[in-house]
Protein backbone atom coordinates (compact mmCIF):
# COMPACT_ATOMS: atom_id res chain seq x y z
CA MET A 1 96.08 75.71 115.75
CA LYS A 2 98.66 78.11 117.21
CA PRO A 3 99.45 79.75 113.82
CA VAL A 4 95.77 80.58 113.36
CA ARG A 5 95.53 81.96 116.90
CA ASP A 6 98.63 84.07 116.24
CA LEU A 7 97.08 85.27 112.99
CA LEU A 8 93.99 86.47 114.83
CA LYS A 9 95.85 87.85 117.85
CA HIS A 10 98.48 89.89 116.04
CA SER A 11 96.08 91.01 113.30
CA SER A 12 93.89 92.46 116.07
CA ILE A 13 96.81 94.34 117.61
CA TYR A 14 97.99 95.68 114.28
CA ALA A 15 94.40 96.68 113.56
CA ILE A 16 94.50 99.13 116.49
CA GLY A 17 97.26 101.14 114.86
CA GLN A 18 95.65 100.95 111.43
CA ILE A 19 92.24 102.02 112.73
CA LEU A 20 93.66 105.03 114.56
CA THR A 21 95.81 105.99 111.56
CA ARG A 22 92.90 105.81 109.13
CA MET A 23 90.57 107.59 111.55
CA ALA A 24 93.12 110.40 111.76
CA SER A 25 93.35 110.43 107.97
CA ILE A 26 89.58 110.81 107.64
CA MET A 27 89.29 113.40 110.40
CA LEU A 28 92.03 115.51 108.83
CA LEU A 29 90.48 115.45 105.34
CA PRO A 30 88.67 118.79 105.90
CA LEU A 31 91.98 120.41 106.89
CA TYR A 32 93.93 119.09 103.92
CA THR A 33 91.23 119.64 101.30
CA HIS A 34 90.72 123.24 102.48
CA CYS A 35 94.45 124.01 102.72
CA LEU A 36 95.27 122.30 99.42
CA THR A 37 93.55 122.95 96.12
CA PRO A 38 92.74 119.98 93.84
CA ALA A 39 95.87 120.90 91.85
CA ASP A 40 98.00 120.86 95.04
CA TYR A 41 96.50 117.51 95.95
CA GLY A 42 97.45 116.30 92.48
CA VAL A 43 101.06 117.40 93.07
CA THR A 44 101.25 115.46 96.35
CA ALA A 45 99.76 112.40 94.61
CA ILE A 46 102.41 112.49 91.88
CA LEU A 47 105.19 112.90 94.46
CA ASP A 48 103.82 110.01 96.54
CA LEU A 49 103.81 107.86 93.41
CA THR A 50 107.40 108.80 92.57
CA VAL A 51 108.56 108.05 96.11
CA ALA A 52 106.70 104.73 96.10
CA ILE A 53 108.39 103.63 92.88
CA LEU A 54 111.84 104.53 94.19
CA ALA A 55 111.21 102.79 97.52
CA LEU A 56 110.17 99.63 95.73
CA MET A 57 113.27 99.74 93.53
CA ILE A 58 115.43 99.92 96.64
CA GLY A 59 113.85 97.62 99.20
CA GLY A 60 110.57 96.23 97.93
CA GLY A 61 111.91 92.70 97.46
CA MET A 62 114.70 92.66 100.03
CA VAL A 63 112.45 92.91 103.09
CA THR A 64 110.42 89.94 101.84
CA ALA A 65 113.62 88.01 101.12
CA VAL A 66 114.95 88.65 104.62
CA THR A 67 111.65 87.51 106.12
CA ARG A 68 111.74 84.30 104.10
CA PHE A 69 115.37 83.43 104.93
CA HIS A 70 114.84 84.22 108.62
CA PHE A 71 112.65 81.10 108.84
CA ASP A 72 115.19 78.80 107.21
CA ASN A 73 116.94 78.27 110.53
CA ASP A 74 116.08 79.05 114.15
CA ASP A 75 119.75 79.57 115.03
CA GLU A 76 120.40 83.11 116.29
CA HIS A 77 123.73 83.31 114.46
CA HIS A 78 122.01 82.51 111.16
CA GLN A 79 119.35 85.11 111.80
CA ASP A 80 121.97 87.76 112.68
CA ARG A 81 123.63 87.16 109.33
CA VAL A 82 120.32 87.37 107.49
CA TRP A 83 119.16 90.64 109.04
CA TRP A 84 122.48 92.52 109.02
CA THR A 85 123.22 91.40 105.48
CA GLY A 86 119.78 92.52 104.32
CA PHE A 87 120.15 95.85 106.11
CA THR A 88 123.55 96.45 104.49
CA CYS A 89 122.23 95.60 101.03
CA ILE A 90 119.37 98.06 101.36
CA GLY A 91 121.69 100.82 102.58
CA VAL A 92 124.07 100.39 99.64
CA VAL A 93 121.30 100.16 97.04
CA ALA A 94 119.57 103.25 98.50
CA PHE A 95 122.75 105.28 98.10
CA LEU A 96 123.39 104.09 94.54
CA ILE A 97 119.83 104.83 93.37
CA LEU A 98 118.89 108.03 95.22
CA LEU A 99 122.12 109.99 94.66
CA PRO A 100 121.75 110.17 90.83
CA PHE A 101 118.10 111.15 91.22
CA TRP A 102 119.09 113.98 93.54
CA PHE A 103 121.60 115.33 91.02
CA GLY A 104 118.89 115.08 88.35
CA ARG A 105 116.08 116.52 90.48
CA GLN A 106 115.27 119.25 87.94
CA LEU A 107 114.73 116.66 85.21
CA LEU A 108 112.78 114.48 87.64
CA SER A 109 110.51 117.42 88.45
CA ASP A 110 109.94 118.27 84.79
CA LEU A 111 109.03 114.68 83.94
CA THR A 112 106.71 114.03 86.87
CA LEU A 113 105.24 117.40 87.86
CA GLY A 114 105.62 119.34 84.64
CA PRO A 115 108.04 122.16 83.74
CA ARG A 116 105.71 124.93 84.95
CA LEU A 117 106.04 124.11 88.66
CA VAL A 118 108.79 126.40 89.93
CA ASP A 119 109.17 124.65 93.29
CA GLY A 120 109.27 121.20 91.68
CA PRO A 121 113.01 120.50 92.26
CA TRP A 122 112.73 121.43 95.95
CA PHE A 123 109.65 119.24 96.33
CA CYS A 124 111.56 116.36 94.72
CA THR A 125 114.49 116.89 97.12
CA LEU A 126 112.17 116.55 100.12
CA ALA A 127 110.55 113.47 98.59
CA LEU A 128 113.91 111.81 97.93
CA ALA A 129 115.03 112.42 101.52
CA THR A 130 111.79 110.88 102.77
CA THR A 131 112.41 107.87 100.53
CA TRP A 132 115.85 107.32 102.05
CA ALA A 133 114.50 107.45 105.61
CA PHE A 134 111.59 105.18 104.75
CA VAL A 135 113.55 102.36 103.11
CA ILE A 136 116.06 102.26 105.97
CA GLY A 137 113.28 102.01 108.52
CA HIS A 138 111.18 99.56 106.52
CA ILE A 139 113.50 96.63 107.19
CA ALA A 140 113.47 97.47 110.91
CA ASP A 141 109.67 97.50 111.16
CA THR A 142 109.62 94.24 109.18
CA TYR A 143 111.93 92.82 111.84
CA LEU A 144 109.39 93.69 114.54
CA ARG A 145 106.64 91.93 112.58
CA VAL A 146 108.74 88.79 112.12
CA ARG A 147 109.49 88.69 115.84
CA LYS A 148 105.74 89.23 116.43
CA TRP A 149 106.40 92.26 118.62
CA SER A 150 103.14 93.82 117.53
CA GLY A 151 102.76 95.88 120.71
CA ILE A 152 106.11 97.66 120.26
CA PHE A 153 105.41 98.15 116.57
CA VAL A 154 102.02 99.76 117.20
CA ALA A 155 103.38 101.97 120.02
CA ILE A 156 106.14 103.39 117.81
CA SER A 157 103.76 103.83 114.90
CA LEU A 158 101.21 105.71 117.01
CA ALA A 159 103.89 108.01 118.42
CA ARG A 160 104.97 108.78 114.86
CA LEU A 161 101.34 109.42 113.88
CA ILE A 162 100.75 111.92 116.69
CA PHE A 163 103.95 113.79 115.88
CA ASN A 164 103.17 113.78 112.13
CA ILE A 165 99.65 115.15 112.65
CA GLY A 166 100.77 117.91 115.00
CA LEU A 167 103.59 119.05 112.74
CA ASN A 168 101.46 118.96 109.58
CA VAL A 169 98.70 120.98 111.21
CA PHE A 170 101.23 123.57 112.39
CA LEU A 171 102.91 123.87 108.99
CA LEU A 172 99.67 123.98 107.00
CA VAL A 173 97.47 126.12 109.24
CA LYS A 174 99.88 128.30 111.21
CA LEU A 175 102.62 128.80 108.60
CA ARG A 176 100.43 128.20 105.49
CA MET A 177 103.24 126.33 103.74
CA GLY A 178 100.96 124.22 101.52
CA VAL A 179 102.59 121.32 99.70
CA GLU A 180 106.01 122.21 101.07
CA GLY A 181 104.75 122.03 104.67
CA LEU A 182 103.17 118.65 104.06
CA LEU A 183 106.41 117.26 102.63
CA ILE A 184 108.54 118.66 105.46
CA GLY A 185 106.17 117.23 108.06
CA ASN A 186 106.25 113.79 106.49
CA LEU A 187 110.06 113.87 106.23
CA ALA A 188 110.55 114.81 109.88
CA ALA A 189 108.09 112.15 111.08
CA THR A 190 109.65 109.45 108.89
CA VAL A 191 113.18 110.22 110.12
CA LEU A 192 112.16 110.03 113.80
CA HIS A 193 110.17 106.86 113.17
CA THR A 194 113.17 105.22 111.52
CA LEU A 195 115.49 106.23 114.36
CA ALA A 196 113.16 104.68 116.95
CA LEU A 197 112.90 101.44 114.97
CA MET A 198 116.66 101.22 114.49
CA VAL A 199 117.24 101.58 118.23
CA VAL A 200 115.07 98.50 118.83
CA PHE A 201 116.71 96.63 115.95
CA CYS A 202 120.30 97.31 117.04
CA ARG A 203 119.66 96.55 120.72
CA THR A 204 117.97 93.20 120.09
CA ARG A 205 119.99 91.85 117.18
CA GLY A 206 123.51 90.41 117.48
CA THR A 207 126.75 92.03 116.36
CA PHE A 208 127.04 93.25 112.78
CA GLN A 209 127.73 90.51 110.25
CA PHE A 210 127.82 90.64 106.47
CA ASP A 211 127.76 87.42 104.46
CA ARG A 212 128.50 87.77 100.75
CA ASP A 213 126.94 84.43 99.89
CA MET A 214 123.84 85.32 101.87
CA ALA A 215 123.64 88.66 100.04
CA GLY A 216 123.68 86.81 96.72
CA GLN A 217 120.84 84.54 97.84
CA LEU A 218 118.81 87.49 99.09
CA PHE A 219 119.24 89.37 95.81
CA ARG A 220 118.28 86.31 93.74
CA PHE A 221 115.13 85.93 95.81
CA SER A 222 114.28 89.64 95.82
CA ILE A 223 114.92 90.66 92.20
CA PRO A 224 111.74 89.00 90.82
CA LEU A 225 109.82 90.66 93.67
CA VAL A 226 111.29 94.06 92.79
CA VAL A 227 110.30 93.61 89.17
CA MET A 228 106.85 92.51 90.24
CA SER A 229 106.54 95.40 92.70
CA LEU A 230 107.50 97.98 90.09
CA LEU A 231 105.03 96.51 87.66
CA CYS A 232 102.41 96.48 90.38
CA MET A 233 103.14 100.11 91.13
CA LEU A 234 102.53 100.96 87.49
CA MET A 235 99.26 99.06 87.77
CA HIS A 236 98.27 101.07 90.82
CA GLU A 237 99.48 104.51 89.86
CA ALA A 238 100.12 104.87 86.10
CA ASP A 239 96.63 106.34 85.68
CA ARG A 240 97.79 109.42 87.63
CA TYR A 241 100.47 110.15 85.03
CA VAL A 242 98.01 109.62 82.18
CA LEU A 243 95.43 111.90 83.82
CA ARG A 244 98.02 114.64 84.29
CA ALA A 245 99.18 114.39 80.68
CA VAL A 246 95.74 114.08 79.06
CA VAL A 247 93.29 115.89 81.35
CA SER A 248 94.43 118.28 84.11
CA MET A 249 96.15 118.38 87.49
CA GLU A 250 92.78 119.28 89.06
CA GLU A 251 91.24 116.01 87.88
CA VAL A 252 94.34 114.22 89.14
CA GLY A 253 93.59 115.74 92.54
CA VAL A 254 89.93 114.65 92.57
CA TYR A 255 90.77 111.13 91.41
CA SER A 256 93.66 110.94 93.88
CA LEU A 257 91.34 111.85 96.75
CA ALA A 258 88.96 109.04 95.75
CA HIS A 259 91.90 106.67 95.37
CA LYS A 260 93.34 107.74 98.73
CA ILE A 261 90.03 107.02 100.46
CA GLY A 262 89.82 103.65 98.73
CA PHE A 263 93.42 102.88 99.64
CA ALA A 264 92.83 103.96 103.25
CA VAL A 265 89.92 101.51 103.51
CA HIS A 266 91.95 98.82 101.74
CA THR A 267 94.85 99.37 104.13
CA LEU A 268 92.60 99.40 107.17
CA CYS A 269 91.04 96.11 106.12
CA LEU A 270 94.15 94.31 104.91
CA MET A 271 97.28 95.65 106.59
CA PRO A 272 96.60 94.12 110.03
CA PHE A 273 96.08 90.78 108.30
CA ILE A 274 99.04 91.13 105.92
CA SER A 275 101.34 92.22 108.75
CA ILE A 276 101.15 88.73 110.27
CA TRP A 277 100.00 86.68 107.23
CA HIS A 278 103.42 86.64 105.57
CA VAL A 279 104.79 85.19 108.79
CA ALA A 280 101.86 82.87 109.59
CA ILE A 281 101.95 81.03 106.24
CA TYR A 282 105.25 79.41 107.19
CA ASP A 283 103.80 78.23 110.50
CA ILE A 284 100.67 76.92 108.79
CA GLU A 285 102.86 75.03 106.30
CA ARG A 286 104.29 73.01 109.20
CA MET A 287 100.82 71.78 110.19
CA ASP A 288 99.17 68.58 108.98
CA ARG A 289 97.17 69.06 105.75
CA PRO A 290 97.91 72.81 105.50
CA ASP A 291 96.11 73.27 102.17
CA GLN A 292 92.75 72.79 103.88
CA VAL A 293 93.67 75.46 106.41
CA PHE A 294 94.62 77.85 103.59
CA ALA A 295 91.30 77.13 101.84
CA ARG A 296 89.31 77.82 105.00
CA ILE A 297 91.12 81.08 105.66
CA PHE A 298 90.48 82.10 102.04
CA ARG A 299 86.73 81.76 102.57
CA TRP A 300 86.84 83.90 105.71
CA PHE A 301 89.09 86.40 103.96
CA ASN A 302 86.88 86.70 100.86
CA ASN A 303 83.68 87.14 102.87
CA GLY A 304 85.09 89.52 105.45
CA LEU A 305 86.84 91.76 102.96
CA GLY A 306 83.73 91.91 100.78
CA ILE A 307 81.49 93.03 103.65
CA LEU A 308 83.95 95.68 104.81
CA LEU A 309 84.32 97.14 101.33
CA LEU A 310 80.54 97.12 100.79
CA GLY A 311 80.12 99.10 104.01
CA ALA A 312 82.77 101.60 102.97
CA SER A 313 81.23 102.02 99.50
CA LEU A 314 77.84 102.86 101.03
CA THR A 315 78.86 105.06 103.98
CA VAL A 316 81.18 107.25 101.92
CA HIS A 317 78.07 108.89 100.45
CA GLN A 318 77.15 110.30 103.84
CA VAL A 319 80.62 111.00 105.24
CA LEU A 320 82.66 112.53 102.42
CA PRO A 321 80.40 115.57 101.74
CA LEU A 322 80.85 116.56 105.39
CA LEU A 323 84.64 116.46 105.12
CA THR A 324 85.51 118.00 101.76
CA PRO A 325 84.53 121.13 99.79
CA ASP A 326 82.36 120.94 96.69
CA SER A 327 85.39 121.02 94.39
CA TYR A 328 86.10 117.41 95.42
CA GLY A 329 82.49 116.23 95.07
CA ASP A 330 83.05 114.01 92.03
CA ALA A 331 85.22 111.71 94.15
CA ILE A 332 82.24 110.21 96.01
CA ASP A 333 80.93 107.81 93.37
CA LEU A 334 84.45 106.95 92.21
CA VAL A 335 85.25 105.39 95.59
CA SER A 336 83.00 102.35 95.06
CA VAL A 337 84.65 101.53 91.73
CA ILE A 338 88.12 101.87 93.24
CA LEU A 339 87.17 99.64 96.18
CA LEU A 340 85.92 96.94 93.80
CA GLY A 341 89.35 96.95 92.19
CA PHE A 342 91.04 96.71 95.59
CA PHE A 343 88.92 93.67 96.42
CA PHE A 344 90.43 91.78 93.49
CA LEU A 345 93.88 93.07 94.41
CA GLY A 346 93.45 91.71 97.94
CA LEU A 347 92.88 88.19 96.64
CA GLN A 348 96.43 88.12 95.28
CA ILE A 349 97.94 87.75 98.76
CA GLN A 350 96.05 84.47 99.04
CA PHE A 351 96.91 83.21 95.56
CA GLU A 352 100.66 83.86 95.90
CA VAL A 353 101.11 81.50 98.88
CA PRO A 354 102.53 78.57 96.80
CA ALA A 355 105.18 80.84 95.26
CA MET A 356 106.28 82.18 98.64
CA LEU A 357 106.45 78.74 100.26
CA THR A 358 108.52 77.25 97.41
CA LYS A 359 110.73 80.36 96.96
CA ARG A 360 109.61 80.59 93.32
CA THR A 361 108.84 84.29 93.35
CA GLY A 362 109.31 84.49 89.59
CA LEU A 363 105.81 83.01 89.31
CA LEU A 364 104.43 86.35 90.48
CA VAL A 365 105.94 88.40 87.66
CA PRO A 366 103.56 87.35 84.81
CA GLY A 367 100.56 88.64 86.75
CA SER A 368 102.19 92.04 87.09
CA VAL A 369 103.11 92.11 83.41
CA VAL A 370 99.52 91.36 82.40
CA GLY A 371 98.25 94.02 84.80
CA VAL A 372 100.62 96.71 83.53
CA VAL A 373 99.74 96.06 79.89
CA ILE A 374 96.02 96.25 80.60
CA ASN A 375 96.41 99.31 82.81
CA VAL A 376 98.58 101.38 80.47
CA VAL A 377 96.75 100.49 77.27
CA GLY A 378 93.33 100.82 78.89
CA ASN A 379 94.08 104.21 80.42
CA VAL A 380 95.51 105.58 77.20
CA LEU A 381 92.36 104.48 75.36
CA LEU A 382 89.68 105.42 77.91
CA VAL A 383 90.97 108.37 79.96
CA PRO A 384 90.76 110.87 77.05
CA TYR A 385 87.03 110.07 76.78
CA LEU A 386 85.92 109.08 80.29
CA GLY A 387 88.49 110.88 82.41
CA ALA A 388 88.71 109.63 86.01
CA TRP A 389 85.87 107.13 85.49
CA GLY A 390 87.84 105.43 82.75
CA ALA A 391 90.85 105.18 85.06
CA GLY A 392 88.68 103.70 87.81
CA TRP A 393 87.14 100.91 85.71
CA ILE A 394 90.45 100.06 84.06
CA GLY A 395 91.78 99.64 87.60
CA VAL A 396 89.12 97.01 88.33
CA LEU A 397 89.99 95.10 85.15
CA THR A 398 93.71 95.43 85.89
CA TYR A 399 93.55 94.00 89.41
CA ALA A 400 91.23 91.16 88.44
CA ALA A 401 93.48 90.11 85.55
CA CYS A 402 96.62 90.34 87.69
CA SER A 403 95.24 88.21 90.54
CA LEU A 404 93.85 85.61 88.14
CA THR A 405 97.19 85.31 86.36
CA VAL A 406 99.05 84.90 89.67
CA LEU A 407 96.58 82.17 90.63
CA LEU A 408 97.05 80.28 87.36
CA PHE A 409 100.85 80.33 87.55
CA CYS A 410 101.03 79.44 91.25
CA ARG A 411 98.72 76.48 90.74
CA THR A 412 101.38 74.92 88.53
CA VAL A 413 103.50 74.22 91.63
CA ARG A 414 100.76 73.70 94.20
CA LYS A 415 97.02 73.47 93.75
CA ILE A 416 95.02 74.73 96.74
CA GLU A 417 91.32 73.92 96.41
CA TYR A 418 89.56 77.18 97.24
CA PRO A 419 85.76 77.30 97.74
CA TRP A 420 85.12 78.97 94.38
CA PHE A 421 81.35 78.56 94.15
CA SER A 422 80.46 80.09 97.49
CA SER A 423 83.08 82.85 97.18
CA THR A 424 81.87 83.90 93.72
CA ALA A 425 78.25 83.80 94.89
CA VAL A 426 79.08 86.08 97.82
CA LEU A 427 80.88 88.59 95.58
CA LEU A 428 77.97 88.77 93.14
CA GLY A 429 75.52 89.17 95.99
CA LEU A 430 77.49 92.03 97.53
CA CYS A 431 77.68 93.85 94.19
CA VAL A 432 73.93 93.48 93.60
CA THR A 433 73.28 94.70 97.15
CA TYR A 434 75.33 97.84 96.53
CA LEU A 435 73.47 98.68 93.32
CA LEU A 436 70.05 98.12 94.91
CA VAL A 437 70.84 100.24 97.95
CA ARG A 438 72.74 102.99 96.13
CA TYR A 439 70.25 103.54 93.31
CA GLY A 440 67.05 102.09 94.76
CA ILE A 441 67.02 103.31 98.38
CA PHE A 442 69.42 106.23 98.78
CA PRO A 443 67.57 108.61 96.39
CA ALA A 444 64.37 108.19 98.43
CA VAL A 445 65.70 108.75 101.97
CA GLY A 446 67.73 111.26 103.95
CA MET A 447 71.35 111.14 105.08
CA TRP A 448 70.75 109.49 108.46
CA ALA A 449 68.45 106.91 106.95
CA GLU A 450 71.14 106.15 104.35
CA LEU A 451 73.64 105.57 107.13
CA GLY A 452 71.23 103.32 109.02
CA VAL A 453 70.47 101.27 105.92
CA SER A 454 74.19 100.88 105.20
CA VAL A 455 74.90 99.55 108.68
CA ALA A 456 71.87 97.25 108.62
CA VAL A 457 72.78 95.77 105.23
CA CYS A 458 76.33 94.98 106.33
CA ALA A 459 75.06 93.49 109.60
CA VAL A 460 72.72 91.15 107.71
CA TRP A 461 75.56 90.00 105.46
CA ALA A 462 77.87 89.49 108.45
CA CYS A 463 75.28 87.35 110.23
CA ALA A 464 74.61 85.33 107.08
CA LEU A 465 78.27 84.62 106.33
CA PHE A 466 79.82 84.36 109.79
CA GLY A 467 76.87 83.53 112.03
CA ARG A 468 77.36 79.77 111.97
CA ASP A 469 81.10 79.92 112.65
CA GLY A 470 80.56 82.46 115.41
CA LEU A 471 77.81 80.41 117.02
CA ASN A 472 79.93 77.26 116.98
CA TRP A 473 82.84 79.16 118.49
CA TRP A 474 80.61 80.58 121.23
CA LYS A 475 79.04 77.21 122.03
CA SER A 476 82.42 75.52 122.35
CA GLY A 477 83.74 78.21 124.67
CA LYS A 478 87.14 77.83 123.02
CA PRO A 479 88.71 77.92 119.52
CA ARG A 480 87.36 75.28 117.19
CA SER A 481 89.34 72.08 116.94
CA LEU A 482 91.98 71.65 114.28
CA ASP A 483 89.88 68.91 112.68
CA ALA A 484 87.00 71.36 112.29
CA LEU A 485 89.33 73.98 110.87
CA ARG A 486 90.60 71.57 108.27
CA THR A 487 87.13 70.76 107.00
CA PRO A 488 86.25 73.48 104.51
CA SER A 489 82.65 74.52 104.53
CA SER A 490 80.87 76.64 102.04
CA VAL A 491 78.29 79.27 102.76
CA PRO A 492 74.96 77.63 101.92
CA LEU A 493 72.98 79.53 99.35
CA ALA A 494 70.06 79.53 101.76
CA SER A 495 72.02 81.88 104.00
CA VAL A 496 72.39 84.46 101.25
CA PRO A 497 69.80 87.24 101.22
CA ALA A 498 66.90 86.43 98.92
CA GLY A 499 67.10 87.83 95.45
CA THR A 500 70.87 87.71 95.15
CA GLU A 501 73.28 85.35 93.49
CA THR A 502 75.98 85.15 95.65
CA GLU A 503 95.59 99.69 98.41
CA PRO A 504 103.66 104.41 99.71
CA VAL A 505 104.94 104.96 100.74
CA CYS A 506 105.65 108.39 102.28
CA SER A 507 103.27 107.28 105.03
CA SER A 508 101.48 110.62 104.99
CA VAL A 509 98.34 110.90 107.09
CA CYS A 510 96.73 113.21 104.56
């Protein structure tokens, strides 16, 4: 039972930081969308994508590898070797990858931002420096998660957020530096954040140790994850490159705003859970009959994520027009499509559990390959005709195909019996609810009534899906017994409302 309690406890603490970060992101939207034109926003989106790809090439798999090998042995000497070896590997790889890109920054700018952008090479220089600071700090913040020091992690992250916001506001409003100011602000905040994390890391870890054999094991574990991460990044972001090449940088900006809102919601919903999930699965594995625990958590995860994304899809219609100028108006309806895609993407973290537990990370690669093929081919075919809408719907198909492929391959090594019927019924019901409310009720009522209906609909779904578990928990006065946790229960169809068939890397706050 302790792993589940830890999952809830630390997810709640991480949620504090995520909620404040995303609230700041939403509150600052008027500032950024008025200081940056849609074309400027498109430039920042392309730079964020480029940085994300480079960061994944450098450390995307290594941090996961270090986390996995940390749990092989509770001996402090073993863990010192794991963490210092992983840190050294990331530092060397960062130098070998980023230095050639810096020398070729003009070519990098021409390929990603287009040859007409005069400041492109300077923008790329700032982005590359941010990448270096981020990948160094990423292993340190992963260390805090593994040690379950969620309070320290959130405190450092919030300090970074406050500094980042203040500096960005000063550079954008006072100095009117536009894209350059945003990049400088993010670089300064990332560097200070990394320094703070490294102080904690160095003071709490043992003396430096590098183990060549351990490095080889870490690389063998991480390489499939790097390949998968790069493929996943193409799944997530290739549409931006296609839009820039086929349509315009302005449409890239509008689509990127919709995607950023969707990703912010996705991050707010999932990151607190993910931050402890990749640690908790190893604790759950040590329990009796862990597959039933995984199946039960999947049901909660599916239902909770669906309700949260439904609420975001509905309330964005009232909130976004208040925060952005009319030039970004087309982003509103795109958000719901993007969130549907992120729902399917979120399921992958559940389906990949067998691969992580058995160290067979190569099982995750086929899903990414399928997703990339669908994403690239679909965007090339649809974007010229449907523009941003084509990119949005191809994203839904991409994420669904990727998660399904990961599930099929991971089931070859371990078959977890998920509650498919009830989970599928809930998803269908939530989609039908959105369509009925969006096109049946919203056109006939005002803004405040729309907001009230959105809240009421989500509250009804929450009571229907979680009411029984919550009531049992309240009656017991303590967490449910392990035996109850192990007994999967489905949401009875009678509890479903009648008539239904039930997401850098630059860490920018903009």
